[in-house]
């Protein structure tokens, strides 16, 4: 049995790495914008698409996407506090 928390965390780190860490969030943990390195623009709707794509690549189900999103927010908030 796979430890799902580790899997979600690993995928969250992949999403952050893919965006080069350029994800704007609020202090309350809402994702505002993501930098798209292919188009060199900040996009508001792209965060969900990137998370969805990385989760599908890892064969996760749709109801698991929210868990990955939570780990992304936790990781970014912990980096901003440091």
PDB file of N, CA and C in Angstrom:
ATOM      1  N   UNK A   1       0.839  -1.186   0.000  1.00  0.00           N
ATOM      2  CA  UNK A   1       0.000   0.000   0.000  1.00  0.00           C
ATOM      3  C   UNK A   1       0.883   1.248   0.000  1.00  0.00           C
ATOM      4  N   UNK A   2       0.541   2.172  -0.847  1.00  0.00           N
ATOM      5  CA  UNK A   2       1.312   3.398  -1.005  1.00  0.00           C
ATOM      6  C   UNK A   2       0.901   4.404   0.065  1.00  0.00           C
ATOM      7  N   UNK A   3       1.864   5.097   0.611  1.00  0.00           N
ATOM      8  CA  UNK A   3       1.566   6.164   1.546  1.00  0.00           C
ATOM      9  C   UNK A   3       1.091   7.370   0.732  1.00  0.00           C
ATOM     10  N   UNK A   4      -0.194   7.639   0.781  1.00  0.00           N
ATOM     11  CA  UNK A   4      -0.786   8.661  -0.073  1.00  0.00           C
ATOM     12  C   UNK A   4      -0.289  10.062   0.247  1.00  0.00           C
ATOM     13  N   UNK A   5      -0.001  10.334   1.502  1.00  0.00           N
ATOM     14  CA  UNK A   5       0.497  11.661   1.859  1.00  0.00           C
ATOM     15  C   UNK A   5       1.827  11.952   1.163  1.00  0.00           C
ATOM     16  N   UNK A   6       2.704  10.961   1.119  1.00  0.00           N
ATOM     17  CA  UNK A   6       3.990  11.132   0.440  1.00  0.00           C
ATOM     18  C   UNK A   6       3.786  11.320  -1.060  1.00  0.00           C
ATOM     19  N   UNK A   7       2.846  10.586  -1.623  1.00  0.00           N
ATOM     20  CA  UNK A   7       2.556  10.707  -3.047  1.00  0.00           C
ATOM     21  C   UNK A   7       2.004  12.089  -3.381  1.00  0.00           C
ATOM     22  N   UNK A   8       1.052  12.576  -2.584  1.00  0.00           N
ATOM     23  CA  UNK A   8       0.485  13.909  -2.805  1.00  0.00           C
ATOM     24  C   UNK A   8       1.561  14.982  -2.676  1.00  0.00           C
ATOM     25  N   UNK A   9       2.428  14.829  -1.685  1.00  0.00           N
ATOM     26  CA  UNK A   9       3.499  15.798  -1.470  1.00  0.00           C
ATOM     27  C   UNK A   9       4.472  15.794  -2.649  1.00  0.00           C
ATOM     28  N   UNK A  10       4.791  14.611  -3.150  1.00  0.00           N
ATOM     29  CA  UNK A  10       5.707  14.492  -4.288  1.00  0.00           C
ATOM     30  C   UNK A  10       5.118  15.177  -5.527  1.00  0.00           C
ATOM     31  N   UNK A  11       3.847  14.982  -5.767  1.00  0.00           N
ATOM     32  CA  UNK A  11       3.197  15.602  -6.911  1.00  0.00           C
ATOM     33  C   UNK A  11       3.119  17.117  -6.724  1.00  0.00           C
ATOM     34  N   UNK A  12       2.866  17.560  -5.494  1.00  0.00           N
ATOM     35  CA  UNK A  12       2.836  19.000  -5.207  1.00  0.00           C
ATOM     36  C   UNK A  12       4.187  19.634  -5.527  1.00  0.00           C
ATOM     37  N   UNK A  13       5.266  18.956  -5.160  1.00  0.00           N
ATOM     38  CA  UNK A  13       6.593  19.480  -5.470  1.00  0.00           C
ATOM     39  C   UNK A  13       6.850  19.505  -6.978  1.00  0.00           C
ATOM     40  N   UNK A  14       6.306  18.538  -7.706  1.00  0.00           N
ATOM     41  CA  UNK A  14       6.441  18.529  -9.162  1.00  0.00           C
ATOM     42  C   UNK A  14       5.740  19.728  -9.784  1.00  0.00           C
ATOM     43  N   UNK A  15       4.558  20.068  -9.262  1.00  0.00           N
ATOM     44  CA  UNK A  15       3.813  21.214  -9.776  1.00  0.00           C
ATOM     45  C   UNK A  15       4.594  22.501  -9.507  1.00  0.00           C
ATOM     46  N   UNK A  16       5.129  22.639  -8.299  1.00  0.00           N
ATOM     47  CA  UNK A  16       5.911  23.836  -7.958  1.00  0.00           C
ATOM     48  C   UNK A  16       7.153  23.937  -8.836  1.00  0.00           C
ATOM     49  N   UNK A  17       7.810  22.800  -9.054  1.00  0.00           N
ATOM     50  CA  UNK A  17       9.008  22.782  -9.900  1.00  0.00           C
ATOM     51  C   UNK A  17       8.654  23.137 -11.338  1.00  0.00           C
ATOM     52  N   UNK A  18       7.546  22.635 -11.828  1.00  0.00           N
ATOM     53  CA  UNK A  18       7.123  22.910 -13.201  1.00  0.00           C
ATOM     54  C   UNK A  18       6.863  24.398 -13.414  1.00  0.00           C
ATOM     55  N   UNK A  19       6.346  25.058 -12.395  1.00  0.00           N
ATOM     56  CA  UNK A  19       6.060  26.499 -12.479  1.00  0.00           C
ATOM     57  C   UNK A  19       7.250  27.322 -12.003  1.00  0.00           C
ATOM     58  N   UNK A  20       8.362  26.670 -11.721  1.00  0.00           N
ATOM     59  CA  UNK A  20       9.567  27.325 -11.208  1.00  0.00           C
ATOM     60  C   UNK A  20       9.285  28.069  -9.911  1.00  0.00           C
ATOM     61  N   UNK A  21       8.334  27.588  -9.134  1.00  0.00           N
ATOM     62  CA  UNK A  21       7.988  28.211  -7.861  1.00  0.00           C
ATOM     63  C   UNK A  21       7.240  29.515  -7.992  1.00  0.00           C
ATOM     64  N   UNK A  22       6.897  29.894  -9.209  1.00  0.00           N
ATOM     65  CA  UNK A  22       6.238  31.177  -9.461  1.00  0.00           C
ATOM     66  C   UNK A  22       4.723  31.022  -9.358  1.00  0.00           C
ATOM     67  N   UNK A  23       4.257  30.882  -8.132  1.00  0.00           N
ATOM     68  CA  UNK A  23       2.826  30.762  -7.874  1.00  0.00           C
ATOM     69  C   UNK A  23       2.467  31.809  -6.830  1.00  0.00           C
ATOM     70  N   UNK A  24       1.577  32.718  -7.178  1.00  0.00           N
ATOM     71  CA  UNK A  24       1.153  33.751  -6.234  1.00  0.00           C
ATOM     72  C   UNK A  24      -0.035  33.230  -5.433  1.00  0.00           C
ATOM     73  N   UNK A  25       0.067  33.323  -4.105  1.00  0.00           N
ATOM     74  CA  UNK A  25      -1.036  32.910  -3.250  1.00  0.00           C
ATOM     75  C   UNK A  25      -1.311  34.008  -2.227  1.00  0.00           C
ATOM     76  N   UNK A  26      -2.508  33.961  -1.648  1.00  0.00           N
ATOM     77  CA  UNK A  26      -2.841  34.894  -0.580  1.00  0.00           C
ATOM     78  C   UNK A  26      -2.355  34.324   0.741  1.00  0.00           C
ATOM     79  N   UNK A  27      -2.401  35.126   1.783  1.00  0.00           N
ATOM     80  CA  UNK A  27      -1.993  34.651   3.103  1.00  0.00           C
ATOM     81  C   UNK A  27      -2.938  33.582   3.626  1.00  0.00           C
ATOM     82  N   UNK A  28      -4.150  33.543   3.094  1.00  0.00           N
ATOM     83  CA  UNK A  28      -5.135  32.557   3.523  1.00  0.00           C
ATOM     84  C   UNK A  28      -5.057  31.277   2.706  1.00  0.00           C
ATOM     85  N   UNK A  29      -4.136  31.223   1.722  1.00  0.00           N
ATOM     86  CA  UNK A  29      -3.913  29.995   0.981  1.00  0.00           C
ATOM     87  C   UNK A  29      -4.714  29.837  -0.290  1.00  0.00           C
ATOM     88  N   UNK A  30      -5.175  30.927  -0.865  1.00  0.00           N
ATOM     89  CA  UNK A  30      -5.887  30.842  -2.143  1.00  0.00           C
ATOM     90  C   UNK A  30      -4.890  31.108  -3.265  1.00  0.00           C
ATOM     91  N   UNK A  31      -4.865  30.216  -4.259  1.00  0.00           N
ATOM     92  CA  UNK A  31      -3.949  30.387  -5.386  1.00  0.00           C
ATOM     93  C   UNK A  31      -4.525  31.452  -6.308  1.00  0.00           C
ATOM     94  N   UNK A  32      -3.731  32.503  -6.564  1.00  0.00           N
ATOM     95  CA  UNK A  32      -4.182  33.591  -7.419  1.00  0.00           C
ATOM     96  C   UNK A  32      -3.732  33.421  -8.863  1.00  0.00           C
ATOM     97  N   UNK A  33      -2.424  33.326  -9.052  1.00  0.00           N
ATOM     98  CA  UNK A  33      -1.880  33.244 -10.402  1.00  0.00           C
ATOM     99  C   UNK A  33      -0.699  32.284 -10.444  1.00  0.00           C
ATOM    100  N   UNK A  34      -0.432  31.783 -11.631  1.00  0.00           N
ATOM    101  CA  UNK A  34       0.708  30.894 -11.860  1.00  0.00           C
ATOM    102  C   UNK A  34       1.454  31.423 -13.072  1.00  0.00           C
ATOM    103  N   UNK A  35       2.767  31.349 -13.013  1.00  0.00           N
ATOM    104  CA  UNK A  35       3.580  31.763 -14.158  1.00  0.00           C
ATOM    105  C   UNK A  35       3.689  30.612 -15.137  1.00  0.00           C
ATOM    106  N   UNK A  36       3.384  30.891 -16.398  1.00  0.00           N
ATOM    107  CA  UNK A  36       3.487  29.887 -17.452  1.00  0.00           C
ATOM    108  C   UNK A  36       4.811  30.080 -18.175  1.00  0.00           C
ATOM    109  N   UNK A  37       5.793  29.199 -17.945  1.00  0.00           N
ATOM    110  CA  UNK A  37       7.111  29.388 -18.565  1.00  0.00           C
ATOM    111  C   UNK A  37       7.097  29.249 -20.087  1.00  0.00           C
ATOM    112  N   UNK A  38       6.106  28.561 -20.625  1.00  0.00           N
ATOM    113  CA  UNK A  38       6.035  28.406 -22.080  1.00  0.00           C
ATOM    114  C   UNK A  38       5.601  29.702 -22.765  1.00  0.00           C
ATOM    115  N   UNK A  39       4.650  30.399 -22.157  1.00  0.00           N
ATOM    116  CA  UNK A  39       4.117  31.626 -22.755  1.00  0.00           C
ATOM    117  C   UNK A  39       4.713  32.892 -22.146  1.00  0.00           C
ATOM    118  N   UNK A  40       5.445  32.741 -21.067  1.00  0.00           N
ATOM    119  CA  UNK A  40       6.054  33.864 -20.353  1.00  0.00           C
ATOM    120  C   UNK A  40       5.018  34.885 -19.892  1.00  0.00           C
ATOM    121  N   UNK A  41       3.917  34.380 -19.349  1.00  0.00           N
ATOM    122  CA  UNK A  41       2.872  35.249 -18.811  1.00  0.00           C
ATOM    123  C   UNK A  41       2.363  34.679 -17.491  1.00  0.00           C
ATOM    124  N   UNK A  42       1.766  35.553 -16.694  1.00  0.00           N
ATOM    125  CA  UNK A  42       1.065  35.124 -15.488  1.00  0.00           C
ATOM    126  C   UNK A  42      -0.368  34.832 -15.886  1.00  0.00           C
ATOM    127  N   UNK A  43      -0.905  33.701 -15.445  1.00  0.00           N
ATOM    128  CA  UNK A  43      -2.260  33.305 -15.803  1.00  0.00           C
ATOM    129  C   UNK A  43      -3.052  32.951 -14.559  1.00  0.00           C
ATOM    130  N   UNK A  44      -4.313  33.362 -14.530  1.00  0.00           N
ATOM    131  CA  UNK A  44      -5.156  33.085 -13.373  1.00  0.00           C
ATOM    132  C   UNK A  44      -5.761  31.689 -13.413  1.00  0.00           C
ATOM    133  N   UNK A  45      -6.081  31.181 -14.571  1.00  0.00           N
ATOM    134  CA  UNK A  45      -6.749  29.892 -14.662  1.00  0.00           C
ATOM    135  C   UNK A  45      -5.828  28.709 -14.859  1.00  0.00           C
ATOM    136  N   UNK A  46      -4.566  28.973 -14.960  1.00  0.00           N
ATOM    137  CA  UNK A  46      -3.618  27.925 -15.310  1.00  0.00           C
ATOM    138  C   UNK A  46      -3.268  27.004 -14.146  1.00  0.00           C
ATOM    139  N   UNK A  47      -3.383  27.485 -12.926  1.00  0.00           N
ATOM    140  CA  UNK A  47      -3.005  26.682 -11.758  1.00  0.00           C
ATOM    141  C   UNK A  47      -3.778  25.369 -11.714  1.00  0.00           C
ATOM    142  N   UNK A  48      -5.070  25.438 -11.890  1.00  0.00           N
ATOM    143  CA  UNK A  48      -5.892  24.235 -11.858  1.00  0.00           C
ATOM    144  C   UNK A  48      -5.552  23.266 -12.969  1.00  0.00           C
ATOM    145  N   UNK A  49      -5.238  23.797 -14.145  1.00  0.00           N
ATOM    146  CA  UNK A  49      -4.897  22.933 -15.270  1.00  0.00           C
ATOM    147  C   UNK A  49      -3.576  22.203 -15.048  1.00  0.00           C
ATOM    148  N   UNK A  50      -2.600  22.905 -14.498  1.00  0.00           N
ATOM    149  CA  UNK A  50      -1.311  22.278 -14.237  1.00  0.00           C
ATOM    150  C   UNK A  50      -1.448  21.205 -13.163  1.00  0.00           C
ATOM    151  N   UNK A  51      -2.194  21.516 -12.098  1.00  0.00           N
ATOM    152  CA  UNK A  51      -2.415  20.532 -11.034  1.00  0.00           C
ATOM    153  C   UNK A  51      -3.138  19.311 -11.597  1.00  0.00           C
ATOM    154  N   UNK A  52      -4.151  19.550 -12.402  1.00  0.00           N
ATOM    155  CA  UNK A  52      -4.922  18.458 -12.993  1.00  0.00           C
ATOM    156  C   UNK A  52      -4.046  17.583 -13.884  1.00  0.00           C
ATOM    157  N   UNK A  53      -3.216  18.212 -14.696  1.00  0.00           N
ATOM    158  CA  UNK A  53      -2.358  17.461 -15.614  1.00  0.00           C
ATOM    159  C   UNK A  53      -1.332  16.612 -14.865  1.00  0.00           C
ATOM    160  N   UNK A  54      -0.702  17.186 -13.846  1.00  0.00           N
ATOM    161  CA  UNK A  54       0.290  16.431 -13.073  1.00  0.00           C
ATOM    162  C   UNK A  54      -0.369  15.278 -12.309  1.00  0.00           C
ATOM    163  N   UNK A  55      -1.574  15.495 -11.812  1.00  0.00           N
ATOM    164  CA  UNK A  55      -2.287  14.435 -11.095  1.00  0.00           C
ATOM    165  C   UNK A  55      -2.690  13.308 -12.037  1.00  0.00           C
ATOM    166  N   UNK A  56      -3.116  13.649 -13.235  1.00  0.00           N
ATOM    167  CA  UNK A  56      -3.478  12.614 -14.206  1.00  0.00           C
ATOM    168  C   UNK A  56      -2.252  11.817 -14.635  1.00  0.00           C
ATOM    169  N   UNK A  57      -1.101  12.495 -14.740  1.00  0.00           N
ATOM    170  CA  UNK A  57       0.137  11.792 -15.086  1.00  0.00           C
ATOM    171  C   UNK A  57       0.514  10.788 -14.009  1.00  0.00           C
ATOM    172  N   UNK A  58       0.119  11.060 -12.762  1.00  0.00           N
ATOM    173  CA  UNK A  58       0.415  10.152 -11.637  1.00  0.00           C
ATOM    174  C   UNK A  58      -0.728   9.163 -11.390  1.00  0.00           C
ATOM    175  N   UNK A  59      -1.702   9.135 -12.286  1.00  0.00           N
ATOM    176  CA  UNK A  59      -2.848   8.223 -12.203  1.00  0.00           C
ATOM    177  C   UNK A  59      -3.686   8.419 -10.942  1.00  0.00           C
ATOM    178  N   UNK A  60      -3.850   9.671 -10.525  1.00  0.00           N
ATOM    179  CA  UNK A  60      -4.716   9.970  -9.386  1.00  0.00           C
ATOM    180  C   UNK A  60      -6.142  10.204  -9.877  1.00  0.00           C
ATOM    181  N   UNK A  61      -7.082  10.018  -8.982  1.00  0.00           N
ATOM    182  CA  UNK A  61      -8.476  10.261  -9.321  1.00  0.00           C
ATOM    183  C   UNK A  61      -8.810  11.726  -9.076  1.00  0.00           C
ATOM    184  N   UNK A  62      -9.917  12.191  -9.668  1.00  0.00           N
ATOM    185  CA  UNK A  62     -10.278  13.604  -9.569  1.00  0.00           C
ATOM    186  C   UNK A  62     -10.496  14.056  -8.141  1.00  0.00           C
ATOM    187  N   UNK A  63     -11.012  13.198  -7.295  1.00  0.00           N
ATOM    188  CA  UNK A  63     -11.263  13.603  -5.912  1.00  0.00           C
ATOM    189  C   UNK A  63      -9.975  13.762  -5.119  1.00  0.00           C
ATOM    190  N   UNK A  64      -8.839  13.302  -5.667  1.00  0.00           N
ATOM    191  CA  UNK A  64      -7.554  13.439  -4.992  1.00  0.00           C
ATOM    192  C   UNK A  64      -6.826  14.740  -5.354  1.00  0.00           C
ATOM    193  N   UNK A  65      -7.314  15.445  -6.370  1.00  0.00           N
ATOM    194  CA  UNK A  65      -6.673  16.681  -6.805  1.00  0.00           C
ATOM    195  C   UNK A  65      -6.649  17.721  -5.690  1.00  0.00           C
ATOM    196  N   UNK A  66      -7.708  17.782  -4.890  1.00  0.00           N
ATOM    197  CA  UNK A  66      -7.791  18.764  -3.810  1.00  0.00           C
ATOM    198  C   UNK A  66      -6.713  18.514  -2.761  1.00  0.00           C
ATOM    199  N   UNK A  67      -6.382  17.267  -2.523  1.00  0.00           N
ATOM    200  CA  UNK A  67      -5.328  16.946  -1.554  1.00  0.00           C
ATOM    201  C   UNK A  67      -3.977  17.457  -2.037  1.00  0.00           C
ATOM    202  N   UNK A  68      -3.713  17.304  -3.320  1.00  0.00           N
ATOM    203  CA  UNK A  68      -2.457  17.783  -3.894  1.00  0.00           C
ATOM    204  C   UNK A  68      -2.411  19.310  -3.800  1.00  0.00           C
ATOM    205  N   UNK A  69      -3.523  19.955  -4.103  1.00  0.00           N
ATOM    206  CA  UNK A  69      -3.603  21.416  -4.027  1.00  0.00           C
ATOM    207  C   UNK A  69      -3.305  21.905  -2.604  1.00  0.00           C
ATOM    208  N   UNK A  70      -3.805  21.181  -1.611  1.00  0.00           N
ATOM    209  CA  UNK A  70      -3.557  21.529  -0.211  1.00  0.00           C
ATOM    210  C   UNK A  70      -2.066  21.452   0.106  1.00  0.00           C
ATOM    211  N   UNK A  71      -1.400  20.422  -0.381  1.00  0.00           N
ATOM    212  CA  UNK A  71       0.039  20.290  -0.141  1.00  0.00           C
ATOM    213  C   UNK A  71       0.828  21.389  -0.852  1.00  0.00           C
ATOM    214  N   UNK A  72       0.386  21.805  -2.028  1.00  0.00           N
ATOM    215  CA  UNK A  72       1.045  22.908  -2.741  1.00  0.00           C
ATOM    216  C   UNK A  72       0.962  24.184  -1.904  1.00  0.00           C
ATOM    217  N   UNK A  73      -0.220  24.466  -1.396  1.00  0.00           N
ATOM    218  CA  UNK A  73      -0.425  25.678  -0.595  1.00  0.00           C
ATOM    219  C   UNK A  73       0.401  25.621   0.683  1.00  0.00           C
ATOM    220  N   UNK A  74       0.404  24.472   1.358  1.00  0.00           N
ATOM    221  CA  UNK A  74       1.197  24.336   2.589  1.00  0.00           C
ATOM    222  C   UNK A  74       2.671  24.560   2.316  1.00  0.00           C
ATOM    223  N   UNK A  75       3.186  23.988   1.226  1.00  0.00           N
ATOM    224  CA  UNK A  75       4.601  24.125   0.895  1.00  0.00           C
ATOM    225  C   UNK A  75       4.949  25.575   0.579  1.00  0.00           C
ATOM    226  N   UNK A  76       4.120  26.257  -0.192  1.00  0.00           N
ATOM    227  CA  UNK A  76       4.395  27.647  -0.546  1.00  0.00           C
ATOM    228  C   UNK A  76       4.304  28.569   0.668  1.00  0.00           C
ATOM    229  N   UNK A  77       3.341  28.315   1.546  1.00  0.00           N
ATOM    230  CA  UNK A  77       3.217  29.131   2.751  1.00  0.00           C
ATOM    231  C   UNK A  77       4.400  28.910   3.683  1.00  0.00           C
ATOM    232  N   UNK A  78       4.895  27.677   3.757  1.00  0.00           N
ATOM    233  CA  UNK A  78       6.047  27.409   4.624  1.00  0.00           C
ATOM    234  C   UNK A  78       7.304  28.073   4.069  1.00  0.00           C
ATOM    235  N   UNK A  79       7.428  28.156   2.750  1.00  0.00           N
ATOM    236  CA  UNK A  79       8.578  28.820   2.148  1.00  0.00           C
ATOM    237  C   UNK A  79       8.505  30.334   2.355  1.00  0.00           C
ATOM    238  N   UNK A  80       7.300  30.893   2.317  1.00  0.00           N
ATOM    239  CA  UNK A  80       7.162  32.341   2.474  1.00  0.00           C
ATOM    240  C   UNK A  80       7.413  32.786   3.903  1.00  0.00           C
ATOM    241  N   UNK A  81       7.182  31.899   4.871  1.00  0.00           N
ATOM    242  CA  UNK A  81       7.437  32.222   6.272  1.00  0.00           C
ATOM    243  C   UNK A  81       8.934  32.240   6.579  1.00  0.00           C
ATOM    244  N   UNK A  82       9.690  31.452   5.845  1.00  0.00           N
ATOM    245  CA  UNK A  82      11.137  31.328   6.104  1.00  0.00           C
ATOM    246  C   UNK A  82      11.898  32.549   5.656  1.00  0.00           C
TER     247      UNK A  82
END
